Amino acid sequence: MMMPYLYLAVAIASEVVATSALKASDGFTRPLPAVIVVVGYAIAFLLMAASLKQLPVGFVYAIWAGLGIVGVAIVGALVFGEVFTPLKVVGIALVVAGVVVMKLGTA
């Protein structure tokens, strides 16, 4: 029963990498980041689909979206120098809280 969660975790990591590469691709004008975008999203969607075979769609999407947002925000700050304001930190905390509530509501 742990495999769907592993698939989802790797899917989220792939999505964060792909989204970060999308920023680095500079509008798909840089080939290597553009290839990473396509491959990263392909892996992400394939593994998300695999996780959906055993996990509820609402739960999977909440985890996917929530942790993806948090991951991309962290990469944005660390790699691209985007500023973390107190309001952004509150927003991220609310996203994480929403993911926890979704998990608690899943049987």
N, C-alpha and C. Protein backbone atom coordinates (compact mmCIF):
# COMPACT_ATOMS: atom_id res chain seq x y z
N MET A 1 0.82 -1.22 0.00
CA MET A 1 0.00 0.00 0.00
C MET A 1 0.85 1.27 0.00
N MET A 2 2.15 1.13 0.20
CA MET A 2 3.01 2.30 0.22
C MET A 2 3.39 2.78 -1.18
N MET A 3 3.30 1.93 -2.18
CA MET A 3 3.73 2.30 -3.53
C MET A 3 2.96 3.51 -4.09
N PRO A 4 1.64 3.59 -3.92
CA PRO A 4 0.95 4.78 -4.46
C PRO A 4 1.46 6.08 -3.85
N TYR A 5 1.84 6.04 -2.58
CA TYR A 5 2.38 7.24 -1.92
C TYR A 5 3.78 7.56 -2.46
N LEU A 6 4.56 6.52 -2.73
CA LEU A 6 5.88 6.73 -3.33
C LEU A 6 5.73 7.31 -4.73
N TYR A 7 4.81 6.76 -5.52
CA TYR A 7 4.55 7.30 -6.85
C TYR A 7 4.16 8.78 -6.77
N LEU A 8 3.30 9.10 -5.82
CA LEU A 8 2.84 10.48 -5.67
C LEU A 8 4.00 11.39 -5.25
N ALA A 9 4.84 10.93 -4.34
CA ALA A 9 5.97 11.75 -3.89
C ALA A 9 6.93 12.04 -5.04
N VAL A 10 7.23 11.03 -5.84
CA VAL A 10 8.14 11.23 -6.97
C VAL A 10 7.46 12.10 -8.04
N ALA A 11 6.15 11.93 -8.21
CA ALA A 11 5.41 12.77 -9.16
C ALA A 11 5.48 14.24 -8.75
N ILE A 12 5.33 14.50 -7.49
CA ILE A 12 5.39 15.89 -6.99
C ILE A 12 6.80 16.45 -7.18
N ALA A 13 7.81 15.66 -6.85
CA ALA A 13 9.19 16.11 -7.04
C ALA A 13 9.47 16.40 -8.52
N SER A 14 8.97 15.54 -9.40
CA SER A 14 9.16 15.75 -10.84
C SER A 14 8.45 17.01 -11.31
N GLU A 15 7.27 17.25 -10.77
CA GLU A 15 6.52 18.45 -11.14
C GLU A 15 7.24 19.72 -10.67
N VAL A 16 7.81 19.68 -9.49
CA VAL A 16 8.55 20.84 -8.96
C VAL A 16 9.79 21.10 -9.82
N VAL A 17 10.50 20.03 -10.19
CA VAL A 17 11.67 20.18 -11.06
C VAL A 17 11.24 20.75 -12.41
N ALA A 18 10.16 20.19 -12.99
CA ALA A 18 9.68 20.65 -14.30
C ALA A 18 9.25 22.11 -14.27
N THR A 19 8.53 22.49 -13.24
CA THR A 19 8.07 23.88 -13.13
C THR A 19 9.24 24.83 -12.94
N SER A 20 10.22 24.41 -12.17
CA SER A 20 11.42 25.23 -11.98
C SER A 20 12.19 25.37 -13.28
N ALA A 21 12.26 24.28 -14.03
CA ALA A 21 12.94 24.31 -15.34
C ALA A 21 12.16 25.19 -16.32
N LEU A 22 10.85 25.25 -16.16
CA LEU A 22 10.04 26.11 -17.02
C LEU A 22 10.47 27.56 -16.86
N LYS A 23 10.71 27.97 -15.63
CA LYS A 23 11.22 29.32 -15.38
C LYS A 23 12.60 29.48 -16.01
N ALA A 24 13.45 28.48 -15.84
CA ALA A 24 14.82 28.54 -16.36
C ALA A 24 14.87 28.44 -17.88
N SER A 25 13.82 27.92 -18.50
CA SER A 25 13.83 27.75 -19.97
C SER A 25 13.69 29.09 -20.70
N ASP A 26 13.31 30.13 -19.98
CA ASP A 26 13.18 31.46 -20.56
C ASP A 26 12.26 31.43 -21.78
N GLY A 27 11.03 30.94 -21.54
CA GLY A 27 10.04 30.89 -22.62
C GLY A 27 10.38 29.84 -23.67
N PHE A 28 10.97 28.72 -23.24
CA PHE A 28 11.37 27.62 -24.12
C PHE A 28 12.44 28.05 -25.14
N THR A 29 13.24 29.06 -24.78
CA THR A 29 14.32 29.48 -25.67
C THR A 29 15.65 28.82 -25.32
N ARG A 30 15.70 28.16 -24.17
CA ARG A 30 16.91 27.45 -23.75
C ARG A 30 16.62 25.95 -23.81
N PRO A 31 17.31 25.21 -24.67
CA PRO A 31 16.96 23.81 -24.95
C PRO A 31 17.02 22.86 -23.75
N LEU A 32 18.09 22.87 -22.97
CA LEU A 32 18.20 21.90 -21.87
C LEU A 32 17.08 22.07 -20.84
N PRO A 33 16.83 23.28 -20.34
CA PRO A 33 15.70 23.41 -19.42
C PRO A 33 14.36 23.04 -20.07
N ALA A 34 14.20 23.31 -21.36
CA ALA A 34 12.95 22.96 -22.05
C ALA A 34 12.76 21.45 -22.09
N VAL A 35 13.84 20.70 -22.33
CA VAL A 35 13.76 19.24 -22.32
C VAL A 35 13.42 18.74 -20.91
N ILE A 36 14.02 19.34 -19.90
CA ILE A 36 13.71 18.96 -18.51
C ILE A 36 12.24 19.19 -18.20
N VAL A 37 11.66 20.27 -18.71
CA VAL A 37 10.24 20.55 -18.52
C VAL A 37 9.40 19.41 -19.06
N VAL A 38 9.63 19.04 -20.31
CA VAL A 38 8.81 18.02 -20.97
C VAL A 38 8.97 16.66 -20.27
N VAL A 39 10.20 16.27 -20.01
CA VAL A 39 10.46 14.98 -19.36
C VAL A 39 9.91 14.98 -17.93
N GLY A 40 10.13 16.07 -17.21
CA GLY A 40 9.65 16.16 -15.82
C GLY A 40 8.14 16.07 -15.72
N TYR A 41 7.43 16.78 -16.59
CA TYR A 41 5.97 16.71 -16.55
C TYR A 41 5.47 15.35 -17.00
N ALA A 42 6.13 14.72 -17.97
CA ALA A 42 5.73 13.38 -18.41
C ALA A 42 5.84 12.39 -17.25
N ILE A 43 6.97 12.42 -16.56
CA ILE A 43 7.16 11.54 -15.41
C ILE A 43 6.12 11.85 -14.33
N ALA A 44 5.91 13.12 -14.07
CA ALA A 44 4.96 13.53 -13.03
C ALA A 44 3.56 13.00 -13.32
N PHE A 45 3.08 13.18 -14.55
CA PHE A 45 1.72 12.74 -14.86
C PHE A 45 1.59 11.22 -14.90
N LEU A 46 2.61 10.53 -15.39
CA LEU A 46 2.56 9.07 -15.39
C LEU A 46 2.49 8.52 -13.96
N LEU A 47 3.31 9.08 -13.08
CA LEU A 47 3.31 8.59 -11.70
C LEU A 47 2.07 9.03 -10.93
N MET A 48 1.57 10.21 -11.24
CA MET A 48 0.32 10.63 -10.60
C MET A 48 -0.81 9.70 -11.02
N ALA A 49 -0.86 9.34 -12.30
CA ALA A 49 -1.87 8.41 -12.80
C ALA A 49 -1.74 7.06 -12.10
N ALA A 50 -0.51 6.60 -11.88
CA ALA A 50 -0.31 5.33 -11.18
C ALA A 50 -0.81 5.41 -9.75
N SER A 51 -0.59 6.53 -9.08
CA SER A 51 -1.06 6.67 -7.70
C SER A 51 -2.58 6.70 -7.62
N LEU A 52 -3.21 7.22 -8.68
CA LEU A 52 -4.68 7.31 -8.70
C LEU A 52 -5.37 5.96 -8.83
N LYS A 53 -4.62 4.92 -9.16
CA LYS A 53 -5.21 3.58 -9.22
C LYS A 53 -5.66 3.10 -7.85
N GLN A 54 -5.00 3.64 -6.79
CA GLN A 54 -5.32 3.18 -5.43
C GLN A 54 -5.70 4.28 -4.45
N LEU A 55 -5.51 5.51 -4.83
CA LEU A 55 -5.80 6.61 -3.90
C LEU A 55 -6.92 7.48 -4.46
N PRO A 56 -7.71 8.12 -3.60
CA PRO A 56 -8.81 8.97 -4.05
C PRO A 56 -8.31 10.22 -4.78
N VAL A 57 -9.00 10.59 -5.83
CA VAL A 57 -8.58 11.70 -6.68
C VAL A 57 -8.52 13.03 -5.91
N GLY A 58 -9.47 13.29 -5.05
CA GLY A 58 -9.47 14.54 -4.28
C GLY A 58 -8.25 14.65 -3.38
N PHE A 59 -7.91 13.56 -2.74
CA PHE A 59 -6.74 13.52 -1.87
C PHE A 59 -5.46 13.70 -2.69
N VAL A 60 -5.33 12.94 -3.78
CA VAL A 60 -4.13 13.02 -4.62
C VAL A 60 -3.95 14.44 -5.15
N TYR A 61 -5.01 15.04 -5.64
CA TYR A 61 -4.88 16.37 -6.21
C TYR A 61 -4.54 17.41 -5.15
N ALA A 62 -5.11 17.26 -3.96
CA ALA A 62 -4.80 18.21 -2.87
C ALA A 62 -3.33 18.11 -2.49
N ILE A 63 -2.82 16.90 -2.37
CA ILE A 63 -1.41 16.71 -2.02
C ILE A 63 -0.52 17.24 -3.15
N TRP A 64 -0.87 16.85 -4.39
CA TRP A 64 -0.12 17.28 -5.58
C TRP A 64 -0.03 18.80 -5.65
N ALA A 65 -1.18 19.45 -5.56
CA ALA A 65 -1.22 20.91 -5.70
C ALA A 65 -0.54 21.59 -4.51
N GLY A 66 -0.88 21.15 -3.32
CA GLY A 66 -0.36 21.80 -2.12
C GLY A 66 1.15 21.68 -1.99
N LEU A 67 1.66 20.47 -2.09
CA LEU A 67 3.10 20.29 -1.94
C LEU A 67 3.85 20.82 -3.15
N GLY A 68 3.22 20.80 -4.31
CA GLY A 68 3.83 21.41 -5.49
C GLY A 68 4.01 22.91 -5.29
N ILE A 69 2.98 23.56 -4.77
CA ILE A 69 3.06 25.01 -4.50
C ILE A 69 4.18 25.31 -3.51
N VAL A 70 4.23 24.55 -2.43
CA VAL A 70 5.26 24.77 -1.42
C VAL A 70 6.65 24.52 -2.02
N GLY A 71 6.79 23.42 -2.75
CA GLY A 71 8.09 23.09 -3.34
C GLY A 71 8.57 24.15 -4.32
N VAL A 72 7.68 24.59 -5.20
CA VAL A 72 8.06 25.61 -6.18
C VAL A 72 8.37 26.94 -5.49
N ALA A 73 7.64 27.27 -4.45
CA ALA A 73 7.93 28.51 -3.71
C ALA A 73 9.31 28.46 -3.07
N ILE A 74 9.67 27.31 -2.53
CA ILE A 74 10.99 27.16 -1.91
C ILE A 74 12.08 27.24 -2.97
N VAL A 75 11.89 26.54 -4.10
CA VAL A 75 12.88 26.61 -5.19
C VAL A 75 12.98 28.05 -5.70
N GLY A 76 11.85 28.73 -5.83
CA GLY A 76 11.86 30.11 -6.28
C GLY A 76 12.72 30.99 -5.39
N ALA A 77 12.61 30.77 -4.09
CA ALA A 77 13.40 31.57 -3.15
C ALA A 77 14.87 31.19 -3.19
N LEU A 78 15.17 29.89 -3.20
CA LEU A 78 16.55 29.44 -3.12
C LEU A 78 17.32 29.58 -4.44
N VAL A 79 16.64 29.31 -5.55
CA VAL A 79 17.33 29.28 -6.84
C VAL A 79 17.18 30.59 -7.61
N PHE A 80 15.98 31.15 -7.57
CA PHE A 80 15.70 32.33 -8.40
C PHE A 80 15.69 33.64 -7.60
N GLY A 81 15.98 33.58 -6.31
CA GLY A 81 16.08 34.78 -5.49
C GLY A 81 14.76 35.47 -5.22
N GLU A 82 13.65 34.75 -5.33
CA GLU A 82 12.34 35.34 -5.04
C GLU A 82 12.22 35.56 -3.53
N VAL A 83 11.61 36.64 -3.16
CA VAL A 83 11.53 37.04 -1.75
C VAL A 83 10.37 36.35 -1.05
N PHE A 84 10.66 35.84 0.14
CA PHE A 84 9.63 35.27 1.01
C PHE A 84 9.17 36.36 1.97
N THR A 85 8.01 36.92 1.73
CA THR A 85 7.46 37.91 2.64
C THR A 85 6.68 37.19 3.74
N PRO A 86 6.42 37.87 4.85
CA PRO A 86 5.61 37.24 5.89
C PRO A 86 4.24 36.77 5.36
N LEU A 87 3.65 37.53 4.45
CA LEU A 87 2.36 37.15 3.90
C LEU A 87 2.47 35.86 3.06
N LYS A 88 3.56 35.71 2.33
CA LYS A 88 3.78 34.47 1.57
C LYS A 88 3.94 33.28 2.50
N VAL A 89 4.63 33.49 3.61
CA VAL A 89 4.81 32.41 4.60
C VAL A 89 3.46 31.99 5.16
N VAL A 90 2.61 32.95 5.45
CA VAL A 90 1.25 32.64 5.93
C VAL A 90 0.49 31.86 4.87
N GLY A 91 0.58 32.28 3.62
CA GLY A 91 -0.09 31.58 2.53
C GLY A 91 0.38 30.14 2.41
N ILE A 92 1.67 29.92 2.50
CA ILE A 92 2.21 28.56 2.43
C ILE A 92 1.74 27.73 3.62
N ALA A 93 1.71 28.33 4.80
CA ALA A 93 1.20 27.62 5.99
C ALA A 93 -0.26 27.23 5.80
N LEU A 94 -1.04 28.09 5.18
CA LEU A 94 -2.45 27.76 4.93
C LEU A 94 -2.57 26.62 3.92
N VAL A 95 -1.72 26.61 2.91
CA VAL A 95 -1.73 25.51 1.94
C VAL A 95 -1.40 24.19 2.64
N VAL A 96 -0.36 24.19 3.46
CA VAL A 96 0.02 22.98 4.20
C VAL A 96 -1.12 22.55 5.12
N ALA A 97 -1.75 23.49 5.80
CA ALA A 97 -2.88 23.16 6.67
C ALA A 97 -4.01 22.53 5.86
N GLY A 98 -4.26 23.05 4.68
CA GLY A 98 -5.30 22.48 3.82
C GLY A 98 -4.99 21.06 3.41
N VAL A 99 -3.73 20.78 3.11
CA VAL A 99 -3.32 19.42 2.74
C VAL A 99 -3.52 18.48 3.94
N VAL A 100 -3.15 18.93 5.12
CA VAL A 100 -3.34 18.11 6.32
C VAL A 100 -4.81 17.82 6.55
N VAL A 101 -5.65 18.81 6.40
CA VAL A 101 -7.10 18.61 6.58
C VAL A 101 -7.63 17.61 5.55
N MET A 102 -7.18 17.72 4.29
CA MET A 102 -7.60 16.78 3.26
C MET A 102 -7.19 15.35 3.64
N LYS A 103 -5.97 15.20 4.16
CA LYS A 103 -5.49 13.87 4.56
C LYS A 103 -6.33 13.33 5.72
N LEU A 104 -6.64 14.17 6.68
CA LEU A 104 -7.45 13.74 7.81
C LEU A 104 -8.85 13.33 7.39
N GLY A 105 -9.34 13.94 6.33
CA GLY A 105 -10.69 13.64 5.84
C GLY A 105 -10.74 12.44 4.92
N THR A 106 -9.59 11.81 4.64
CA THR A 106 -9.55 10.65 3.74
C THR A 106 -9.50 9.38 4.58
N ALA A 107 -10.42 8.49 4.27
CA ALA A 107 -10.46 7.22 5.01
C ALA A 107 -9.39 6.29 4.56
